[in-house]
């Protein structure tokens, strides 16, 4: 992203909806590299939100570290509220979600192990001439 970063206000929000690609700023939902709104690659937003076809413009870890503790906590609270609403919409209790999250974590662990073993097998084949 070119130019100065938008300051994090500490007032996270979902953001306005449209079908355009947005980079930086703090108005639009699903944008990339901005502040305060739900999106990808930004800082201070309450949760990740992807728009199909949107390029991701990642701000630096240093820029993310500049976000105040209060702003991070406000974003976390809003993200938790959004998660709670979404779970209610799909009739999933907190316990069900915890169980689902544990299953996802287990599958991801298996996928990481599969990748390691596949890499080891490929190296083993390369060493035999």
N, C-alpha and C. Protein backbone atom coordinates (compact mmCIF):
# COMPACT_ATOMS: atom_id res chain seq x y z
N UNK A 1 0.85 -1.17 0.00
CA UNK A 1 0.00 0.00 0.00
C UNK A 1 0.89 1.22 0.00
N UNK A 2 0.57 2.19 -0.83
CA UNK A 2 1.33 3.44 -0.93
C UNK A 2 0.71 4.49 -0.01
N UNK A 3 1.53 5.41 0.46
CA UNK A 3 1.05 6.54 1.23
C UNK A 3 0.93 6.22 2.71
N UNK A 4 0.55 7.24 3.50
CA UNK A 4 0.44 7.05 4.94
C UNK A 4 -0.73 6.14 5.30
N UNK A 5 -0.56 5.42 6.40
CA UNK A 5 -1.63 4.54 6.88
C UNK A 5 -2.70 5.35 7.59
N UNK A 6 -3.93 4.92 7.44
CA UNK A 6 -5.05 5.52 8.16
C UNK A 6 -4.89 5.18 9.63
N UNK A 7 -5.10 6.17 10.50
CA UNK A 7 -4.99 5.94 11.93
C UNK A 7 -6.14 5.06 12.42
N UNK A 8 -5.86 4.22 13.38
CA UNK A 8 -6.89 3.39 14.01
C UNK A 8 -7.60 4.24 15.05
N UNK A 9 -8.92 4.34 14.93
CA UNK A 9 -9.69 5.23 15.82
C UNK A 9 -10.02 4.59 17.16
N UNK A 10 -9.99 3.25 17.21
CA UNK A 10 -10.44 2.57 18.41
C UNK A 10 -11.94 2.36 18.42
N UNK A 11 -12.59 2.67 17.27
CA UNK A 11 -14.03 2.48 17.12
C UNK A 11 -14.27 1.53 15.95
N UNK A 12 -13.99 0.24 16.17
CA UNK A 12 -14.13 -0.72 15.07
C UNK A 12 -15.57 -0.86 14.62
N UNK A 13 -15.74 -1.24 13.37
CA UNK A 13 -17.08 -1.38 12.80
C UNK A 13 -17.03 -2.39 11.66
N UNK A 14 -18.20 -2.83 11.23
CA UNK A 14 -18.27 -3.72 10.08
C UNK A 14 -17.87 -2.97 8.83
N UNK A 15 -18.44 -1.81 8.62
CA UNK A 15 -18.16 -1.01 7.44
C UNK A 15 -19.31 -1.06 6.45
N UNK A 16 -19.31 -0.12 5.52
CA UNK A 16 -20.34 -0.06 4.48
C UNK A 16 -20.09 -1.15 3.45
N UNK A 17 -21.16 -1.64 2.86
CA UNK A 17 -21.07 -2.72 1.86
C UNK A 17 -21.16 -2.17 0.45
N UNK A 18 -20.35 -2.69 -0.44
CA UNK A 18 -20.49 -2.49 -1.88
C UNK A 18 -19.73 -3.61 -2.57
N UNK A 19 -19.68 -3.58 -3.89
CA UNK A 19 -19.00 -4.67 -4.60
C UNK A 19 -17.69 -4.21 -5.25
N UNK A 20 -17.12 -3.13 -4.74
CA UNK A 20 -15.88 -2.60 -5.28
C UNK A 20 -14.69 -3.06 -4.44
N UNK A 21 -13.51 -3.02 -5.04
CA UNK A 21 -12.28 -3.30 -4.30
C UNK A 21 -11.83 -2.02 -3.61
N UNK A 22 -11.50 -2.12 -2.32
CA UNK A 22 -11.03 -0.96 -1.56
C UNK A 22 -9.72 -1.30 -0.88
N UNK A 23 -8.76 -0.39 -0.97
CA UNK A 23 -7.45 -0.57 -0.37
C UNK A 23 -7.20 0.60 0.57
N UNK A 24 -6.93 0.27 1.84
CA UNK A 24 -6.70 1.32 2.83
C UNK A 24 -8.01 1.95 3.26
N UNK A 25 -7.91 3.03 4.01
CA UNK A 25 -9.10 3.73 4.45
C UNK A 25 -9.76 3.05 5.64
N UNK A 26 -10.97 3.50 5.97
CA UNK A 26 -11.69 2.88 7.08
C UNK A 26 -13.19 3.01 6.92
N UNK A 27 -13.67 2.93 5.70
CA UNK A 27 -15.12 3.03 5.48
C UNK A 27 -15.74 1.72 5.05
N UNK A 28 -15.07 0.95 4.20
CA UNK A 28 -15.72 -0.14 3.49
C UNK A 28 -15.44 -1.51 4.13
N UNK A 29 -16.47 -2.33 4.20
CA UNK A 29 -16.35 -3.72 4.66
C UNK A 29 -15.68 -4.55 3.57
N UNK A 30 -14.79 -5.43 3.99
CA UNK A 30 -14.17 -6.34 3.03
C UNK A 30 -13.01 -5.75 2.28
N UNK A 31 -12.59 -4.56 2.65
CA UNK A 31 -11.43 -3.96 2.00
C UNK A 31 -10.14 -4.62 2.47
N UNK A 32 -9.04 -4.05 2.06
CA UNK A 32 -7.75 -4.64 2.37
C UNK A 32 -6.76 -3.56 2.77
N UNK A 33 -6.01 -3.81 3.85
CA UNK A 33 -4.96 -2.90 4.26
C UNK A 33 -5.43 -1.63 4.95
N UNK A 34 -6.66 -1.60 5.41
CA UNK A 34 -7.20 -0.41 6.04
C UNK A 34 -7.17 -0.47 7.56
N UNK A 35 -8.03 0.34 8.17
CA UNK A 35 -8.09 0.42 9.63
C UNK A 35 -9.55 0.47 10.07
N UNK A 36 -9.83 -0.16 11.18
CA UNK A 36 -11.13 -0.11 11.88
C UNK A 36 -12.25 -0.95 11.28
N UNK A 37 -12.21 -1.30 10.02
CA UNK A 37 -13.32 -2.05 9.42
C UNK A 37 -12.94 -3.51 9.21
N UNK A 38 -13.96 -4.35 9.12
CA UNK A 38 -13.75 -5.77 8.84
C UNK A 38 -13.16 -5.90 7.44
N UNK A 39 -12.09 -6.67 7.33
CA UNK A 39 -11.44 -6.86 6.04
C UNK A 39 -10.24 -7.76 6.19
N UNK A 40 -9.30 -7.64 5.27
CA UNK A 40 -8.08 -8.46 5.29
C UNK A 40 -6.86 -7.56 5.23
N UNK A 41 -5.81 -7.93 5.96
CA UNK A 41 -4.52 -7.28 5.82
C UNK A 41 -4.39 -5.94 6.49
N UNK A 42 -5.41 -5.49 7.19
CA UNK A 42 -5.36 -4.17 7.81
C UNK A 42 -5.03 -4.25 9.29
N UNK A 43 -5.45 -3.23 10.00
CA UNK A 43 -5.18 -3.19 11.44
C UNK A 43 -6.36 -2.53 12.14
N UNK A 44 -6.69 -3.05 13.32
CA UNK A 44 -7.75 -2.46 14.13
C UNK A 44 -9.16 -2.91 13.79
N UNK A 45 -9.32 -3.76 12.77
CA UNK A 45 -10.65 -4.24 12.40
C UNK A 45 -11.13 -5.32 13.36
N UNK A 46 -12.46 -5.49 13.46
CA UNK A 46 -13.01 -6.43 14.43
C UNK A 46 -12.92 -7.90 14.02
N UNK A 47 -12.85 -8.18 12.73
CA UNK A 47 -12.77 -9.56 12.25
C UNK A 47 -12.37 -9.55 10.79
N UNK A 48 -11.97 -10.72 10.32
CA UNK A 48 -11.56 -10.86 8.92
C UNK A 48 -12.81 -10.99 8.05
N UNK A 49 -12.78 -10.33 6.91
CA UNK A 49 -13.90 -10.39 5.97
C UNK A 49 -13.32 -10.32 4.57
N UNK A 50 -13.57 -11.34 3.80
CA UNK A 50 -13.01 -11.43 2.45
C UNK A 50 -14.07 -11.14 1.41
N UNK A 51 -13.70 -10.35 0.42
CA UNK A 51 -14.51 -10.16 -0.77
C UNK A 51 -13.88 -10.99 -1.87
N UNK A 52 -14.68 -11.74 -2.57
CA UNK A 52 -14.14 -12.55 -3.66
C UNK A 52 -13.47 -11.65 -4.70
N UNK A 53 -12.29 -12.08 -5.13
CA UNK A 53 -11.56 -11.35 -6.15
C UNK A 53 -10.76 -10.17 -5.63
N UNK A 54 -10.84 -9.90 -4.35
CA UNK A 54 -10.10 -8.78 -3.75
C UNK A 54 -8.65 -9.16 -3.56
N UNK A 55 -7.74 -8.32 -4.00
CA UNK A 55 -6.31 -8.52 -3.72
C UNK A 55 -6.06 -8.13 -2.27
N UNK A 56 -5.17 -8.85 -1.60
CA UNK A 56 -4.86 -8.54 -0.21
C UNK A 56 -3.62 -7.66 -0.16
N UNK A 57 -3.75 -6.53 0.53
CA UNK A 57 -2.65 -5.60 0.74
C UNK A 57 -2.39 -5.59 2.24
N UNK A 58 -1.32 -6.24 2.65
CA UNK A 58 -1.01 -6.45 4.05
C UNK A 58 -0.21 -5.28 4.62
N UNK A 59 -0.67 -4.73 5.75
CA UNK A 59 0.15 -3.73 6.42
C UNK A 59 1.21 -4.47 7.24
N UNK A 60 2.27 -3.79 7.59
CA UNK A 60 3.39 -4.43 8.28
C UNK A 60 3.03 -4.80 9.72
N UNK A 61 3.79 -5.74 10.25
CA UNK A 61 3.62 -6.11 11.65
C UNK A 61 3.93 -4.92 12.56
N UNK A 62 4.87 -4.08 12.14
CA UNK A 62 5.21 -2.89 12.93
C UNK A 62 4.01 -1.95 13.01
N UNK A 63 3.31 -1.77 11.89
CA UNK A 63 2.12 -0.91 11.88
C UNK A 63 1.03 -1.50 12.77
N UNK A 64 0.88 -2.81 12.73
CA UNK A 64 -0.13 -3.46 13.58
C UNK A 64 0.22 -3.30 15.05
N UNK A 65 1.53 -3.34 15.37
CA UNK A 65 1.96 -3.21 16.76
C UNK A 65 1.69 -1.82 17.31
N UNK A 66 1.50 -0.84 16.46
CA UNK A 66 1.22 0.53 16.90
C UNK A 66 -0.22 0.73 17.35
N UNK A 67 -1.08 -0.24 17.11
CA UNK A 67 -2.48 -0.13 17.52
C UNK A 67 -2.54 -0.22 19.04
N UNK A 68 -3.25 0.72 19.65
CA UNK A 68 -3.32 0.76 21.11
C UNK A 68 -4.01 -0.48 21.68
N UNK A 69 -3.70 -0.77 22.92
CA UNK A 69 -4.33 -1.88 23.62
C UNK A 69 -5.84 -1.69 23.66
N UNK A 70 -6.28 -0.47 23.91
CA UNK A 70 -7.71 -0.17 23.98
C UNK A 70 -8.39 -0.45 22.64
N UNK A 71 -7.75 -0.04 21.54
CA UNK A 71 -8.32 -0.28 20.21
C UNK A 71 -8.37 -1.77 19.90
N UNK A 72 -7.33 -2.52 20.27
CA UNK A 72 -7.33 -3.98 20.06
C UNK A 72 -8.46 -4.63 20.86
N UNK A 73 -8.64 -4.17 22.11
CA UNK A 73 -9.70 -4.74 22.95
C UNK A 73 -11.09 -4.41 22.38
N UNK A 74 -11.27 -3.20 21.89
CA UNK A 74 -12.56 -2.82 21.30
C UNK A 74 -12.85 -3.67 20.07
N UNK A 75 -11.84 -3.89 19.23
CA UNK A 75 -12.01 -4.73 18.04
C UNK A 75 -12.33 -6.17 18.45
N UNK A 76 -11.65 -6.66 19.47
CA UNK A 76 -11.90 -8.02 19.95
C UNK A 76 -13.34 -8.17 20.45
N UNK A 77 -13.81 -7.19 21.21
CA UNK A 77 -15.19 -7.24 21.73
C UNK A 77 -16.20 -7.28 20.58
N UNK A 78 -16.00 -6.42 19.59
CA UNK A 78 -16.93 -6.39 18.46
C UNK A 78 -16.88 -7.70 17.68
N UNK A 79 -15.69 -8.26 17.53
CA UNK A 79 -15.56 -9.55 16.86
C UNK A 79 -16.27 -10.66 17.61
N UNK A 80 -16.16 -10.65 18.93
CA UNK A 80 -16.86 -11.66 19.74
C UNK A 80 -18.37 -11.50 19.63
N UNK A 81 -18.85 -10.26 19.61
CA UNK A 81 -20.29 -10.01 19.45
C UNK A 81 -20.77 -10.52 18.09
N UNK A 82 -19.98 -10.27 17.05
CA UNK A 82 -20.35 -10.73 15.70
C UNK A 82 -20.36 -12.25 15.65
N UNK A 83 -19.39 -12.90 16.29
CA UNK A 83 -19.36 -14.36 16.33
C UNK A 83 -20.61 -14.89 17.06
N UNK A 84 -20.96 -14.29 18.17
CA UNK A 84 -22.14 -14.72 18.92
C UNK A 84 -23.40 -14.61 18.07
N UNK A 85 -23.56 -13.47 17.36
CA UNK A 85 -24.73 -13.30 16.48
C UNK A 85 -24.75 -14.36 15.39
N UNK A 86 -23.58 -14.61 14.79
CA UNK A 86 -23.52 -15.59 13.70
C UNK A 86 -23.86 -16.99 14.20
N UNK A 87 -23.37 -17.35 15.37
CA UNK A 87 -23.69 -18.67 15.93
C UNK A 87 -25.18 -18.80 16.19
N UNK A 88 -25.81 -17.72 16.64
CA UNK A 88 -27.27 -17.75 16.85
C UNK A 88 -28.00 -17.91 15.52
N UNK A 89 -27.52 -17.23 14.48
CA UNK A 89 -28.15 -17.32 13.16
C UNK A 89 -28.15 -18.75 12.63
N UNK A 90 -27.07 -19.49 12.90
CA UNK A 90 -26.96 -20.85 12.37
C UNK A 90 -27.29 -21.91 13.43
N UNK A 91 -27.89 -21.45 14.55
CA UNK A 91 -28.33 -22.35 15.63
C UNK A 91 -27.21 -23.23 16.15
N UNK A 92 -26.09 -22.61 16.44
CA UNK A 92 -24.93 -23.33 16.98
C UNK A 92 -24.62 -22.75 18.35
N UNK A 93 -24.56 -23.59 19.36
CA UNK A 93 -24.26 -23.11 20.71
C UNK A 93 -22.76 -22.90 20.85
N UNK A 94 -22.37 -22.21 21.92
CA UNK A 94 -20.94 -22.00 22.19
C UNK A 94 -20.19 -23.30 22.34
N UNK A 95 -20.83 -24.29 22.99
CA UNK A 95 -20.18 -25.59 23.15
C UNK A 95 -20.01 -26.31 21.82
N UNK A 96 -21.03 -26.20 20.96
CA UNK A 96 -20.94 -26.79 19.62
C UNK A 96 -19.81 -26.15 18.83
N UNK A 97 -19.69 -24.82 18.95
CA UNK A 97 -18.64 -24.11 18.23
C UNK A 97 -17.27 -24.53 18.73
N UNK A 98 -17.12 -24.67 20.04
CA UNK A 98 -15.83 -25.10 20.61
C UNK A 98 -15.46 -26.48 20.08
N UNK A 99 -16.45 -27.37 20.02
CA UNK A 99 -16.21 -28.72 19.49
C UNK A 99 -15.80 -28.63 18.02
N UNK A 100 -16.53 -27.83 17.23
CA UNK A 100 -16.20 -27.64 15.82
C UNK A 100 -14.78 -27.10 15.66
N UNK A 101 -14.42 -26.08 16.46
CA UNK A 101 -13.09 -25.49 16.38
C UNK A 101 -12.01 -26.51 16.72
N UNK A 102 -12.28 -27.39 17.68
CA UNK A 102 -11.29 -28.42 18.03
C UNK A 102 -11.12 -29.41 16.88
N UNK A 103 -12.22 -29.73 16.18
CA UNK A 103 -12.12 -30.63 15.03
C UNK A 103 -11.30 -29.98 13.90
N UNK A 104 -11.56 -28.70 13.64
CA UNK A 104 -10.81 -27.97 12.61
C UNK A 104 -9.32 -27.96 12.96
N UNK A 105 -9.01 -27.71 14.22
CA UNK A 105 -7.61 -27.68 14.65
C UNK A 105 -6.96 -29.04 14.45
N UNK A 106 -7.68 -30.11 14.75
CA UNK A 106 -7.14 -31.45 14.56
C UNK A 106 -6.87 -31.74 13.08
N UNK A 107 -7.80 -31.36 12.23
CA UNK A 107 -7.63 -31.58 10.79
C UNK A 107 -6.44 -30.77 10.29
N UNK A 108 -6.28 -29.55 10.75
CA UNK A 108 -5.15 -28.73 10.33
C UNK A 108 -3.84 -29.36 10.78
N UNK A 109 -3.84 -29.97 11.97
CA UNK A 109 -2.65 -30.66 12.45
C UNK A 109 -2.30 -31.84 11.56
N UNK A 110 -3.30 -32.59 11.14
CA UNK A 110 -3.08 -33.72 10.24
C UNK A 110 -2.54 -33.22 8.90
N UNK A 111 -3.08 -32.11 8.41
CA UNK A 111 -2.60 -31.55 7.14
C UNK A 111 -1.15 -31.11 7.24
N UNK A 112 -0.77 -30.50 8.37
CA UNK A 112 0.64 -30.09 8.56
C UNK A 112 1.54 -31.33 8.58
N UNK A 113 1.11 -32.37 9.29
CA UNK A 113 1.89 -33.60 9.35
C UNK A 113 2.01 -34.23 7.97
N UNK A 114 0.92 -34.24 7.22
CA UNK A 114 0.94 -34.78 5.86
C UNK A 114 1.97 -34.03 5.00
N UNK A 115 2.01 -32.71 5.11
CA UNK A 115 2.95 -31.90 4.33
C UNK A 115 4.39 -32.21 4.73
N UNK A 116 4.65 -32.37 6.02
CA UNK A 116 6.00 -32.71 6.49
C UNK A 116 6.42 -34.07 5.96
N UNK A 117 5.54 -35.05 6.07
CA UNK A 117 5.86 -36.41 5.60
C UNK A 117 6.04 -36.45 4.09
N UNK A 118 5.23 -35.69 3.37
CA UNK A 118 5.35 -35.63 1.92
C UNK A 118 6.69 -35.03 1.53
N UNK A 119 7.10 -33.97 2.21
CA UNK A 119 8.40 -33.35 1.96
C UNK A 119 9.54 -34.30 2.26
N UNK A 120 9.42 -35.04 3.36
CA UNK A 120 10.47 -36.01 3.71
C UNK A 120 10.55 -37.11 2.67
N UNK A 121 9.42 -37.58 2.20
CA UNK A 121 9.41 -38.64 1.17
C UNK A 121 10.03 -38.12 -0.13
N UNK A 122 9.73 -36.88 -0.49
CA UNK A 122 10.31 -36.31 -1.71
C UNK A 122 11.82 -36.18 -1.58
N UNK A 123 12.30 -35.75 -0.43
CA UNK A 123 13.76 -35.65 -0.22
C UNK A 123 14.41 -37.03 -0.27
N UNK A 124 13.73 -38.02 0.29
CA UNK A 124 14.25 -39.39 0.28
C UNK A 124 14.38 -39.90 -1.16
N UNK A 125 13.36 -39.65 -1.99
CA UNK A 125 13.42 -40.06 -3.41
C UNK A 125 14.52 -39.34 -4.15
N UNK A 126 14.74 -38.07 -3.88
CA UNK A 126 15.77 -37.29 -4.57
C UNK A 126 17.16 -37.82 -4.25
N UNK A 127 17.38 -38.37 -3.09
CA UNK A 127 18.71 -38.82 -2.66
C UNK A 127 19.07 -40.20 -3.19
N UNK A 128 18.10 -40.91 -3.74
CA UNK A 128 18.38 -42.21 -4.33
C UNK A 128 18.50 -42.08 -5.84
N UNK A 129 19.72 -42.31 -6.36
CA UNK A 129 19.96 -42.13 -7.79
C UNK A 129 19.82 -43.40 -8.48
